[in-house]
Amino acid sequence: VEKANEALAIKTLLVTNELFRSTDLPTRKRYVKLVESVKENGGEVRVFSSLHVSGEQLGQLSGFAAILRFPMPDIADGEGSADSKEGLVN
């Protein structure tokens, strides 16, 4: 997701409230910075409650994912997984 953000490819960032509101300060700063960057670049941010089914499912993946503006097939070479057909990256 961070590589996609650097490439200005994120259309919508999906993040669980557990990560966005983490009690671990470095973790929280990382996700707040990512959220601010996506918004500055014209993307949307959706925060999902970990108490809702959608937030639980996102939390099982990694806690965050992105819907991309354009495919980034080479992003799968990094950490996480990519589904360039759907434009989802986590």
PDB file of N, CA and C in Angstrom:
ATOM      1  N   VAL A   1       0.839  -1.195   0.000  1.00  0.00           N
ATOM      2  CA  VAL A   1       0.000   0.000   0.000  1.00  0.00           C
ATOM      3  C   VAL A   1       0.877   1.249   0.000  1.00  0.00           C
ATOM      4  N   GLU A   2       1.952   1.216   0.756  1.00  0.00           N
ATOM      5  CA  GLU A   2       2.821   2.392   0.801  1.00  0.00           C
ATOM      6  C   GLU A   2       3.482   2.652  -0.551  1.00  0.00           C
ATOM      7  N   LYS A   3       3.845   1.587  -1.274  1.00  0.00           N
ATOM      8  CA  LYS A   3       4.410   1.761  -2.619  1.00  0.00           C
ATOM      9  C   LYS A   3       3.368   2.352  -3.557  1.00  0.00           C
ATOM     10  N   ALA A   4       2.136   1.893  -3.442  1.00  0.00           N
ATOM     11  CA  ALA A   4       1.053   2.428  -4.274  1.00  0.00           C
ATOM     12  C   ALA A   4       0.813   3.896  -3.952  1.00  0.00           C
ATOM     13  N   ASN A   5       0.932   4.260  -2.690  1.00  0.00           N
ATOM     14  CA  ASN A   5       0.752   5.658  -2.298  1.00  0.00           C
ATOM     15  C   ASN A   5       1.857   6.528  -2.884  1.00  0.00           C
ATOM     16  N   GLU A   6       3.080   6.034  -2.866  1.00  0.00           N
ATOM     17  CA  GLU A   6       4.196   6.783  -3.452  1.00  0.00           C
ATOM     18  C   GLU A   6       3.981   7.020  -4.945  1.00  0.00           C
ATOM     19  N   ALA A   7       3.316   6.071  -5.604  1.00  0.00           N
ATOM     20  CA  ALA A   7       3.048   6.183  -7.041  1.00  0.00           C
ATOM     21  C   ALA A   7       1.750   6.943  -7.323  1.00  0.00           C
ATOM     22  N   LEU A   8       1.122   7.488  -6.280  1.00  0.00           N
ATOM     23  CA  LEU A   8      -0.150   8.216  -6.397  1.00  0.00           C
ATOM     24  C   LEU A   8      -1.243   7.350  -7.014  1.00  0.00           C
ATOM     25  N   ALA A   9      -1.205   6.056  -6.730  1.00  0.00           N
ATOM     26  CA  ALA A   9      -2.140   5.107  -7.336  1.00  0.00           C
ATOM     27  C   ALA A   9      -3.368   4.830  -6.480  1.00  0.00           C
ATOM     28  N   ILE A  10      -3.393   5.300  -5.236  1.00  0.00           N
ATOM     29  CA  ILE A  10      -4.497   4.951  -4.341  1.00  0.00           C
ATOM     30  C   ILE A  10      -5.719   5.819  -4.602  1.00  0.00           C
ATOM     31  N   LYS A  11      -6.794   5.147  -4.962  1.00  0.00           N
ATOM     32  CA  LYS A  11      -8.093   5.810  -5.127  1.00  0.00           C
ATOM     33  C   LYS A  11      -8.823   5.831  -3.788  1.00  0.00           C
ATOM     34  N   THR A  12      -8.838   4.680  -3.099  1.00  0.00           N
ATOM     35  CA  THR A  12      -9.493   4.570  -1.799  1.00  0.00           C
ATOM     36  C   THR A  12      -8.622   3.741  -0.869  1.00  0.00           C
ATOM     37  N   LEU A  13      -8.328   4.279   0.306  1.00  0.00           N
ATOM     38  CA  LEU A  13      -7.588   3.561   1.337  1.00  0.00           C
ATOM     39  C   LEU A  13      -8.588   2.991   2.323  1.00  0.00           C
ATOM     40  N   LEU A  14      -8.453   1.714   2.629  1.00  0.00           N
ATOM     41  CA  LEU A  14      -9.311   1.028   3.587  1.00  0.00           C
ATOM     42  C   LEU A  14      -8.458   0.682   4.800  1.00  0.00           C
ATOM     43  N   VAL A  15      -8.872   1.113   5.984  1.00  0.00           N
ATOM     44  CA  VAL A  15      -8.078   0.878   7.189  1.00  0.00           C
ATOM     45  C   VAL A  15      -9.007   0.597   8.367  1.00  0.00           C
ATOM     46  N   THR A  16      -8.591  -0.302   9.244  1.00  0.00           N
ATOM     47  CA  THR A  16      -9.394  -0.584  10.432  1.00  0.00           C
ATOM     48  C   THR A  16      -9.108   0.466  11.498  1.00  0.00           C
ATOM     49  N   ASN A  17     -10.088   0.698  12.334  1.00  0.00           N
ATOM     50  CA  ASN A  17      -9.900   1.673  13.402  1.00  0.00           C
ATOM     51  C   ASN A  17      -8.849   1.210  14.404  1.00  0.00           C
ATOM     52  N   GLU A  18      -8.602  -0.090  14.489  1.00  0.00           N
ATOM     53  CA  GLU A  18      -7.570  -0.586  15.400  1.00  0.00           C
ATOM     54  C   GLU A  18      -6.190  -0.063  15.008  1.00  0.00           C
ATOM     55  N   LEU A  19      -5.895  -0.025  13.721  1.00  0.00           N
ATOM     56  CA  LEU A  19      -4.602   0.498  13.270  1.00  0.00           C
ATOM     57  C   LEU A  19      -4.572   2.017  13.333  1.00  0.00           C
ATOM     58  N   PHE A  20      -5.642   2.625  12.874  1.00  0.00           N
ATOM     59  CA  PHE A  20      -5.707   4.085  12.812  1.00  0.00           C
ATOM     60  C   PHE A  20      -5.699   4.714  14.203  1.00  0.00           C
ATOM     61  N   ARG A  21      -6.201   3.985  15.182  1.00  0.00           N
ATOM     62  CA  ARG A  21      -6.263   4.495  16.562  1.00  0.00           C
ATOM     63  C   ARG A  21      -5.429   3.638  17.513  1.00  0.00           C
ATOM     64  N   SER A  22      -4.361   3.084  17.016  1.00  0.00           N
ATOM     65  CA  SER A  22      -3.489   2.209  17.793  1.00  0.00           C
ATOM     66  C   SER A  22      -2.908   2.935  19.006  1.00  0.00           C
ATOM     67  N   THR A  23      -2.747   2.197  20.104  1.00  0.00           N
ATOM     68  CA  THR A  23      -2.123   2.776  21.299  1.00  0.00           C
ATOM     69  C   THR A  23      -0.599   2.834  21.154  1.00  0.00           C
ATOM     70  N   ASP A  24      -0.048   2.073  20.199  1.00  0.00           N
ATOM     71  CA  ASP A  24       1.383   2.109  19.907  1.00  0.00           C
ATOM     72  C   ASP A  24       1.664   3.355  19.065  1.00  0.00           C
ATOM     73  N   LEU A  25       2.358   4.322  19.635  1.00  0.00           N
ATOM     74  CA  LEU A  25       2.557   5.622  18.990  1.00  0.00           C
ATOM     75  C   LEU A  25       3.205   5.542  17.603  1.00  0.00           C
ATOM     76  N   PRO A  26       4.296   4.797  17.406  1.00  0.00           N
ATOM     77  CA  PRO A  26       4.877   4.720  16.055  1.00  0.00           C
ATOM     78  C   PRO A  26       3.902   4.132  15.023  1.00  0.00           C
ATOM     79  N   THR A  27       3.130   3.131  15.424  1.00  0.00           N
ATOM     80  CA  THR A  27       2.139   2.537  14.515  1.00  0.00           C
ATOM     81  C   THR A  27       1.076   3.554  14.155  1.00  0.00           C
ATOM     82  N   ARG A  28       0.566   4.243  15.147  1.00  0.00           N
ATOM     83  CA  ARG A  28      -0.480   5.244  14.898  1.00  0.00           C
ATOM     84  C   ARG A  28       0.047   6.356  13.996  1.00  0.00           C
ATOM     85  N   LYS A  29       1.260   6.838  14.256  1.00  0.00           N
ATOM     86  CA  LYS A  29       1.846   7.895  13.418  1.00  0.00           C
ATOM     87  C   LYS A  29       1.986   7.437  11.973  1.00  0.00           C
ATOM     88  N   ARG A  30       2.390   6.182  11.779  1.00  0.00           N
ATOM     89  CA  ARG A  30       2.560   5.632  10.430  1.00  0.00           C
ATOM     90  C   ARG A  30       1.240   5.677   9.661  1.00  0.00           C
ATOM     91  N   TYR A  31       0.160   5.249  10.304  1.00  0.00           N
ATOM     92  CA  TYR A  31      -1.127   5.202   9.607  1.00  0.00           C
ATOM     93  C   TYR A  31      -1.769   6.574   9.480  1.00  0.00           C
ATOM     94  N   VAL A  32      -1.576   7.439  10.447  1.00  0.00           N
ATOM     95  CA  VAL A  32      -2.086   8.810  10.327  1.00  0.00           C
ATOM     96  C   VAL A  32      -1.385   9.506   9.164  1.00  0.00           C
ATOM     97  N   LYS A  33      -0.072   9.314   9.058  1.00  0.00           N
ATOM     98  CA  LYS A  33       0.691   9.907   7.953  1.00  0.00           C
ATOM     99  C   LYS A  33       0.218   9.358   6.609  1.00  0.00           C
ATOM    100  N   LEU A  34      -0.029   8.054   6.540  1.00  0.00           N
ATOM    101  CA  LEU A  34      -0.520   7.435   5.308  1.00  0.00           C
ATOM    102  C   LEU A  34      -1.886   7.997   4.935  1.00  0.00           C
ATOM    103  N   VAL A  35      -2.777   8.117   5.905  1.00  0.00           N
ATOM    104  CA  VAL A  35      -4.123   8.663   5.666  1.00  0.00           C
ATOM    105  C   VAL A  35      -4.031  10.096   5.155  1.00  0.00           C
ATOM    106  N   GLU A  36      -3.212  10.910   5.799  1.00  0.00           N
ATOM    107  CA  GLU A  36      -3.061  12.307   5.376  1.00  0.00           C
ATOM    108  C   GLU A  36      -2.501  12.392   3.956  1.00  0.00           C
ATOM    109  N   SER A  37      -1.534  11.546   3.647  1.00  0.00           N
ATOM    110  CA  SER A  37      -0.927  11.548   2.321  1.00  0.00           C
ATOM    111  C   SER A  37      -1.941  11.160   1.247  1.00  0.00           C
ATOM    112  N   VAL A  38      -2.737  10.136   1.510  1.00  0.00           N
ATOM    113  CA  VAL A  38      -3.753   9.708   0.540  1.00  0.00           C
ATOM    114  C   VAL A  38      -4.759  10.832   0.307  1.00  0.00           C
ATOM    115  N   LYS A  39      -5.191  11.489   1.378  1.00  0.00           N
ATOM    116  CA  LYS A  39      -6.147  12.597   1.240  1.00  0.00           C
ATOM    117  C   LYS A  39      -5.537  13.755   0.453  1.00  0.00           C
ATOM    118  N   GLU A  40      -4.272  14.087   0.731  1.00  0.00           N
ATOM    119  CA  GLU A  40      -3.592  15.176   0.019  1.00  0.00           C
ATOM    120  C   GLU A  40      -3.472  14.884  -1.477  1.00  0.00           C
ATOM    121  N   ASN A  41      -3.378  13.597  -1.817  1.00  0.00           N
ATOM    122  CA  ASN A  41      -3.226  13.196  -3.211  1.00  0.00           C
ATOM    123  C   ASN A  41      -4.571  12.949  -3.897  1.00  0.00           C
ATOM    124  N   GLY A  42      -5.660  13.349  -3.249  1.00  0.00           N
ATOM    125  CA  GLY A  42      -6.983  13.252  -3.864  1.00  0.00           C
ATOM    126  C   GLY A  42      -7.695  11.933  -3.666  1.00  0.00           C
ATOM    127  N   GLY A  43      -7.173  11.085  -2.795  1.00  0.00           N
ATOM    128  CA  GLY A  43      -7.814   9.798  -2.529  1.00  0.00           C
ATOM    129  C   GLY A  43      -8.815   9.877  -1.394  1.00  0.00           C
ATOM    130  N   GLU A  44      -9.638   8.862  -1.301  1.00  0.00           N
ATOM    131  CA  GLU A  44     -10.605   8.734  -0.211  1.00  0.00           C
ATOM    132  C   GLU A  44     -10.025   7.819   0.852  1.00  0.00           C
ATOM    133  N   VAL A  45     -10.484   7.985   2.089  1.00  0.00           N
ATOM    134  CA  VAL A  45     -10.085   7.098   3.176  1.00  0.00           C
ATOM    135  C   VAL A  45     -11.347   6.594   3.852  1.00  0.00           C
ATOM    136  N   ARG A  46     -11.432   5.293   4.026  1.00  0.00           N
ATOM    137  CA  ARG A  46     -12.559   4.666   4.713  1.00  0.00           C
ATOM    138  C   ARG A  46     -12.010   3.932   5.930  1.00  0.00           C
ATOM    139  N   VAL A  47     -12.481   4.318   7.120  1.00  0.00           N
ATOM    140  CA  VAL A  47     -12.071   3.663   8.358  1.00  0.00           C
ATOM    141  C   VAL A  47     -13.188   2.710   8.765  1.00  0.00           C
ATOM    142  N   PHE A  48     -12.837   1.436   8.946  1.00  0.00           N
ATOM    143  CA  PHE A  48     -13.806   0.401   9.286  1.00  0.00           C
ATOM    144  C   PHE A  48     -13.699   0.035  10.758  1.00  0.00           C
ATOM    145  N   SER A  49     -14.838  -0.078  11.414  1.00  0.00           N
ATOM    146  CA  SER A  49     -14.881  -0.493  12.812  1.00  0.00           C
ATOM    147  C   SER A  49     -14.508  -1.963  12.921  1.00  0.00           C
ATOM    148  N   SER A  50     -13.647  -2.276  13.863  1.00  0.00           N
ATOM    149  CA  SER A  50     -13.262  -3.670  14.084  1.00  0.00           C
ATOM    150  C   SER A  50     -14.406  -4.468  14.700  1.00  0.00           C
ATOM    151  N   LEU A  51     -15.462  -3.785  15.130  1.00  0.00           N
ATOM    152  CA  LEU A  51     -16.630  -4.455  15.695  1.00  0.00           C
ATOM    153  C   LEU A  51     -17.631  -4.857  14.613  1.00  0.00           C
ATOM    154  N   HIS A  52     -17.445  -4.378  13.397  1.00  0.00           N
ATOM    155  CA  HIS A  52     -18.331  -4.710  12.280  1.00  0.00           C
ATOM    156  C   HIS A  52     -17.694  -5.829  11.459  1.00  0.00           C
ATOM    157  N   VAL A  53     -18.519  -6.614  10.787  1.00  0.00           N
ATOM    158  CA  VAL A  53     -18.025  -7.732   9.977  1.00  0.00           C
ATOM    159  C   VAL A  53     -16.989  -7.273   8.950  1.00  0.00           C
ATOM    160  N   SER A  54     -17.236  -6.146   8.297  1.00  0.00           N
ATOM    161  CA  SER A  54     -16.288  -5.657   7.282  1.00  0.00           C
ATOM    162  C   SER A  54     -14.934  -5.325   7.903  1.00  0.00           C
ATOM    163  N   GLY A  55     -14.948  -4.721   9.082  1.00  0.00           N
ATOM    164  CA  GLY A  55     -13.707  -4.410   9.773  1.00  0.00           C
ATOM    165  C   GLY A  55     -12.985  -5.655  10.248  1.00  0.00           C
ATOM    166  N   GLU A  56     -13.749  -6.656  10.683  1.00  0.00           N
ATOM    167  CA  GLU A  56     -13.152  -7.930  11.091  1.00  0.00           C
ATOM    168  C   GLU A  56     -12.443  -8.588   9.912  1.00  0.00           C
ATOM    169  N   GLN A  57     -13.111  -8.591   8.750  1.00  0.00           N
ATOM    170  CA  GLN A  57     -12.514  -9.210   7.566  1.00  0.00           C
ATOM    171  C   GLN A  57     -11.266  -8.460   7.110  1.00  0.00           C
ATOM    172  N   LEU A  58     -11.306  -7.142   7.128  1.00  0.00           N
ATOM    173  CA  LEU A  58     -10.137  -6.348   6.765  1.00  0.00           C
ATOM    174  C   LEU A  58      -9.000  -6.603   7.750  1.00  0.00           C
ATOM    175  N   GLY A  59      -9.335  -6.722   9.024  1.00  0.00           N
ATOM    176  CA  GLY A  59      -8.338  -7.016  10.045  1.00  0.00           C
ATOM    177  C   GLY A  59      -7.672  -8.367   9.838  1.00  0.00           C
ATOM    178  N   GLN A  60      -8.413  -9.333   9.301  1.00  0.00           N
ATOM    179  CA  GLN A  60      -7.850 -10.655   9.029  1.00  0.00           C
ATOM    180  C   GLN A  60      -6.852 -10.614   7.872  1.00  0.00           C
ATOM    181  N   LEU A  61      -7.026  -9.665   6.964  1.00  0.00           N
ATOM    182  CA  LEU A  61      -6.094  -9.533   5.834  1.00  0.00           C
ATOM    183  C   LEU A  61      -4.792  -8.886   6.279  1.00  0.00           C
ATOM    184  N   SER A  62      -4.879  -7.715   6.864  1.00  0.00           N
ATOM    185  CA  SER A  62      -3.696  -6.998   7.342  1.00  0.00           C
ATOM    186  C   SER A  62      -4.106  -5.768   8.140  1.00  0.00           C
ATOM    187  N   GLY A  63      -5.368  -5.383   8.031  1.00  0.00           N
ATOM    188  CA  GLY A  63      -5.840  -4.179   8.704  1.00  0.00           C
ATOM    189  C   GLY A  63      -5.923  -2.990   7.771  1.00  0.00           C
ATOM    190  N   PHE A  64      -5.297  -3.098   6.599  1.00  0.00           N
ATOM    191  CA  PHE A  64      -5.406  -2.020   5.626  1.00  0.00           C
ATOM    192  C   PHE A  64      -5.240  -2.569   4.217  1.00  0.00           C
ATOM    193  N   ALA A  65      -5.854  -1.869   3.281  1.00  0.00           N
ATOM    194  CA  ALA A  65      -5.802  -2.249   1.866  1.00  0.00           C
ATOM    195  C   ALA A  65      -6.106  -1.004   1.054  1.00  0.00           C
ATOM    196  N   ALA A  66      -5.965  -1.108  -0.251  1.00  0.00           N
ATOM    197  CA  ALA A  66      -6.232   0.044  -1.109  1.00  0.00           C
ATOM    198  C   ALA A  66      -6.885  -0.390  -2.408  1.00  0.00           C
ATOM    199  N   ILE A  67      -7.786   0.446  -2.886  1.00  0.00           N
ATOM    200  CA  ILE A  67      -8.341   0.303  -4.224  1.00  0.00           C
ATOM    201  C   ILE A  67      -7.546   1.279  -5.084  1.00  0.00           C
ATOM    202  N   LEU A  68      -6.961   0.772  -6.162  1.00  0.00           N
ATOM    203  CA  LEU A  68      -6.044   1.573  -6.969  1.00  0.00           C
ATOM    204  C   LEU A  68      -6.726   2.254  -8.146  1.00  0.00           C
ATOM    205  N   ARG A  69      -6.143   3.369  -8.555  1.00  0.00           N
ATOM    206  CA  ARG A  69      -6.614   4.097  -9.738  1.00  0.00           C
ATOM    207  C   ARG A  69      -6.210   3.384 -11.023  1.00  0.00           C
ATOM    208  N   PHE A  70      -5.083   2.705 -10.973  1.00  0.00           N
ATOM    209  CA  PHE A  70      -4.563   1.997 -12.138  1.00  0.00           C
ATOM    210  C   PHE A  70      -3.802   0.768 -11.660  1.00  0.00           C
ATOM    211  N   PRO A  71      -3.670  -0.254 -12.512  1.00  0.00           N
ATOM    212  CA  PRO A  71      -2.975  -1.485 -12.122  1.00  0.00           C
ATOM    213  C   PRO A  71      -1.496  -1.237 -11.845  1.00  0.00           C
ATOM    214  N   MET A  72      -0.975  -1.961 -10.876  1.00  0.00           N
ATOM    215  CA  MET A  72       0.453  -1.935 -10.558  1.00  0.00           C
ATOM    216  C   MET A  72       0.923  -3.383 -10.423  1.00  0.00           C
ATOM    217  N   PRO A  73       1.088  -4.091 -11.532  1.00  0.00           N
ATOM    218  CA  PRO A  73       1.432  -5.512 -11.463  1.00  0.00           C
ATOM    219  C   PRO A  73       2.756  -5.795 -10.763  1.00  0.00           C
ATOM    220  N   ASP A  74       3.702  -4.877 -10.816  1.00  0.00           N
ATOM    221  CA  ASP A  74       5.001  -5.095 -10.183  1.00  0.00           C
ATOM    222  C   ASP A  74       4.957  -4.924  -8.675  1.00  0.00           C
ATOM    223  N   ILE A  75       3.861  -4.434  -8.124  1.00  0.00           N
ATOM    224  CA  ILE A  75       3.763  -4.224  -6.678  1.00  0.00           C
ATOM    225  C   ILE A  75       3.710  -5.551  -5.931  1.00  0.00           C
ATOM    226  N   ALA A  76       3.309  -6.628  -6.592  1.00  0.00           N
ATOM    227  CA  ALA A  76       3.254  -7.944  -5.960  1.00  0.00           C
ATOM    228  C   ALA A  76       4.646  -8.452  -5.600  1.00  0.00           C
ATOM    229  N   ASP A  77       5.684  -7.860  -6.175  1.00  0.00           N
ATOM    230  CA  ASP A  77       7.052  -8.257  -5.863  1.00  0.00           C
ATOM    231  C   ASP A  77       7.460  -7.844  -4.460  1.00  0.00           C
ATOM    232  N   GLY A  78       6.749  -6.865  -3.880  1.00  0.00           N
ATOM    233  CA  GLY A  78       7.048  -6.399  -2.529  1.00  0.00           C
ATOM    234  C   GLY A  78       6.291  -7.208  -1.504  1.00  0.00           C
ATOM    235  N   GLU A  79       6.133  -6.628  -0.312  1.00  0.00           N
ATOM    236  CA  GLU A  79       5.399  -7.292   0.753  1.00  0.00           C
ATOM    237  C   GLU A  79       3.915  -7.280   0.450  1.00  0.00           C
ATOM    238  N   GLY A  80       3.180  -8.189   1.079  1.00  0.00           N
ATOM    239  CA  GLY A  80       1.735  -8.233   0.900  1.00  0.00           C
ATOM    240  C   GLY A  80       1.382  -8.945  -0.381  1.00  0.00           C
ATOM    241  N   SER A  81       0.148  -8.755  -0.807  1.00  0.00           N
ATOM    242  CA  SER A  81      -0.312  -9.391  -2.032  1.00  0.00           C
ATOM    243  C   SER A  81      -1.027  -8.371  -2.883  1.00  0.00           C
ATOM    244  N   ALA A  82      -1.182  -8.691  -4.145  1.00  0.00           N
ATOM    245  CA  ALA A  82      -1.867  -7.765  -5.047  1.00  0.00           C
ATOM    246  C   ALA A  82      -2.806  -8.537  -5.950  1.00  0.00           C
ATOM    247  N   ASP A  83      -3.908  -7.924  -6.267  1.00  0.00           N
ATOM    248  CA  ASP A  83      -4.851  -8.460  -7.237  1.00  0.00           C
ATOM    249  C   ASP A  83      -5.096  -7.342  -8.227  1.00  0.00           C
ATOM    250  N   SER A  84      -4.239  -7.258  -9.250  1.00  0.00           N
ATOM    251  CA  SER A  84      -4.309  -6.126 -10.170  1.00  0.00           C
ATOM    252  C   SER A  84      -5.587  -6.128 -10.993  1.00  0.00           C
ATOM    253  N   LYS A  85      -6.234  -7.285 -11.140  1.00  0.00           N
ATOM    254  CA  LYS A  85      -7.488  -7.336 -11.889  1.00  0.00           C
ATOM    255  C   LYS A  85      -8.546  -6.492 -11.189  1.00  0.00           C
ATOM    256  N   GLU A  86      -8.643  -6.612  -9.892  1.00  0.00           N
ATOM    257  CA  GLU A  86      -9.619  -5.858  -9.115  1.00  0.00           C
ATOM    258  C   GLU A  86      -9.060  -4.523  -8.645  1.00  0.00           C
ATOM    259  N   GLY A  87      -7.745  -4.354  -8.695  1.00  0.00           N
ATOM    260  CA  GLY A  87      -7.145  -3.114  -8.233  1.00  0.00           C
ATOM    261  C   GLY A  87      -7.014  -3.051  -6.727  1.00  0.00           C
ATOM    262  N   LEU A  88      -7.025  -4.207  -6.059  1.00  0.00           N
ATOM    263  CA  LEU A  88      -6.911  -4.239  -4.610  1.00  0.00           C
ATOM    264  C   LEU A  88      -5.494  -4.604  -4.218  1.00  0.00           C
ATOM    265  N   VAL A  89      -4.979  -3.921  -3.212  1.00  0.00           N
ATOM    266  CA  VAL A  89      -3.634  -4.190  -2.717  1.00  0.00           C
ATOM    267  C   VAL A  89      -3.692  -4.197  -1.209  1.00  0.00           C
ATOM    268  N   ASN A  90      -3.028  -5.172  -0.584  1.00  0.00           N
ATOM    269  CA  ASN A  90      -2.896  -5.139   0.881  1.00  0.00           C
ATOM    270  C   ASN A  90      -1.514  -5.550   1.276  1.00  0.00           C
TER     271      ASN A  90
END
